[in-house]
Amino acid sequence: MTQTIKQIEDFWQWAEKELEIQQLNWYRVEKIAGLSNATISKRARELLPPTDTSCRAIAQAFHLDPEYVFRRAGLLPPQPPRDDNFEAALFLFRQLSEEDQEKMLAFIRTLVEIQAKNP
């Protein structure tokens, strides 16, 4: 995905705020991720687009899900909003055995196929 200038600016503002909250600096983030000095700090300072590497490093240092960081960076599309029904279904689905989860997926796929044929 192509990132807009606003997404890039917003991402680095968010990341800088997280640095303060977590009492880190870019040098420490780079060290935690095993990157060379200034790999991320230069991108942040010059407001360059975050890369896969910088997002993974930030996720690791901030103890965040990498997918979340990639979405914040504009490298993945935003998730569709979740509603109460979705959250309840997901909660219940996770309580099922693997075998029952597979059955439920087959059932849901069948429903979607039927709905697609009869809009």
Protein backbone atom coordinates (compact mmCIF):
# COMPACT_ATOMS: atom_id res chain seq x y z
CA MET A 1 0.00 0.00 0.00
CA THR A 2 1.11 3.54 -0.69
CA GLN A 3 1.28 5.69 2.39
CA THR A 4 0.11 9.29 2.34
CA ILE A 5 2.20 12.07 3.83
CA LYS A 6 -0.44 12.45 6.57
CA GLN A 7 -0.25 8.72 7.41
CA ILE A 8 3.54 8.95 7.62
CA GLU A 9 3.43 12.03 9.84
CA ASP A 10 0.70 10.53 12.04
CA PHE A 11 2.64 7.29 12.40
CA TRP A 12 5.85 8.98 13.51
CA GLN A 13 3.95 11.27 15.90
CA TRP A 14 2.30 8.20 17.42
CA ALA A 15 5.66 6.41 17.62
CA GLU A 16 7.34 9.39 19.29
CA LYS A 17 4.53 9.54 21.85
CA GLU A 18 4.94 5.80 22.51
CA LEU A 19 8.69 6.30 23.00
CA GLU A 20 7.93 8.78 25.77
CA ILE A 21 5.30 6.57 27.39
CA GLN A 22 7.61 3.55 27.35
CA GLN A 23 10.63 5.64 28.35
CA LEU A 24 12.64 4.54 25.33
CA ASN A 25 14.62 6.26 22.62
CA TRP A 26 15.28 5.25 19.02
CA TYR A 27 18.75 4.00 19.90
CA ARG A 28 17.23 1.58 22.44
CA VAL A 29 14.51 0.45 19.98
CA GLU A 30 17.18 -0.27 17.37
CA LYS A 31 19.28 -2.13 19.90
CA ILE A 32 16.31 -4.25 21.07
CA ALA A 33 15.59 -5.18 17.45
CA GLY A 34 19.23 -5.84 16.60
CA LEU A 35 19.39 -3.07 14.01
CA SER A 36 22.26 -0.75 13.25
CA ASN A 37 22.33 2.72 14.75
CA ALA A 38 20.07 5.31 13.10
CA THR A 39 18.13 2.77 11.03
CA ILE A 40 14.83 3.96 12.49
CA SER A 41 15.77 7.29 14.05
CA LYS A 42 16.74 8.72 10.64
CA ARG A 43 13.39 7.66 9.16
CA ALA A 44 11.55 9.24 12.10
CA ARG A 45 13.60 12.44 12.04
CA GLU A 46 13.22 12.91 8.27
CA LEU A 47 9.58 11.71 8.24
CA LEU A 48 10.42 8.96 5.74
CA PRO A 49 7.86 6.18 5.25
CA PRO A 50 8.18 3.41 7.84
CA THR A 51 9.45 0.14 6.39
CA ASP A 52 8.68 -3.48 7.22
CA THR A 53 11.91 -3.57 9.23
CA SER A 54 11.17 -0.41 11.19
CA CYS A 55 7.60 -1.56 11.92
CA ARG A 56 8.80 -4.96 13.16
CA ALA A 57 11.40 -3.29 15.37
CA ILE A 58 8.86 -0.86 16.81
CA ALA A 59 6.41 -3.68 17.49
CA GLN A 60 9.11 -5.68 19.24
CA ALA A 61 10.34 -2.78 21.36
CA PHE A 62 6.84 -1.54 22.24
CA HIS A 63 5.55 -5.08 22.90
CA LEU A 64 2.79 -4.66 20.34
CA ASP A 65 1.29 -6.96 17.74
CA PRO A 66 3.24 -6.30 14.51
CA GLU A 67 -0.01 -6.27 12.54
CA TYR A 68 -1.22 -3.35 14.66
CA VAL A 69 1.97 -1.38 13.95
CA PHE A 70 1.77 -2.16 10.22
CA ARG A 71 -1.82 -0.88 10.17
CA ARG A 72 -0.80 2.29 12.06
CA ALA A 73 1.94 2.80 9.47
CA GLY A 74 -0.51 2.45 6.59
CA LEU A 75 1.24 -0.66 5.29
CA LEU A 76 -1.89 -2.77 5.78
CA PRO A 77 -5.47 -1.72 5.15
CA PRO A 78 -7.51 -0.78 8.20
CA GLN A 79 -9.62 -3.51 9.74
CA PRO A 80 -13.33 -3.21 9.21
CA PRO A 81 -15.14 -2.10 12.35
CA ARG A 82 -16.23 -4.89 14.67
CA ASP A 83 -19.67 -5.01 16.18
CA ASP A 84 -21.10 -6.84 19.17
CA ASN A 85 -22.27 -9.80 17.08
CA PHE A 86 -18.82 -10.26 15.58
CA GLU A 87 -17.13 -10.06 18.98
CA ALA A 88 -19.59 -12.55 20.50
CA ALA A 89 -19.18 -14.98 17.58
CA LEU A 90 -15.39 -14.75 17.82
CA PHE A 91 -15.46 -15.30 21.58
CA LEU A 92 -17.67 -18.36 21.24
CA PHE A 93 -15.76 -19.71 18.23
CA ARG A 94 -12.51 -19.69 20.20
CA GLN A 95 -14.10 -21.89 22.87
CA LEU A 96 -14.81 -24.67 20.37
CA SER A 97 -12.51 -27.61 19.71
CA GLU A 98 -10.44 -27.47 16.54
CA GLU A 99 -12.73 -30.05 14.95
CA ASP A 100 -15.85 -28.03 15.79
CA GLN A 101 -14.19 -24.85 14.53
CA GLU A 102 -13.64 -26.54 11.18
CA LYS A 103 -17.31 -27.60 11.10
CA MET A 104 -18.42 -24.06 11.87
CA LEU A 105 -16.21 -22.63 9.12
CA ALA A 106 -17.70 -25.09 6.64
CA PHE A 107 -21.19 -24.08 7.78
CA ILE A 108 -20.42 -20.36 7.45
CA ARG A 109 -18.90 -20.86 4.00
CA THR A 110 -22.06 -22.69 2.92
CA LEU A 111 -24.25 -19.85 4.21
CA VAL A 112 -22.14 -17.27 2.35
CA GLU A 113 -22.34 -19.30 -0.87
CA ILE A 114 -26.13 -19.59 -0.55
CA GLN A 115 -26.43 -15.87 0.15
CA ALA A 116 -24.26 -15.03 -2.87
CA LYS A 117 -26.57 -17.09 -5.11
CA ASN A 118 -29.74 -15.53 -3.63
CA PRO A 119 -29.03 -11.86 -2.89
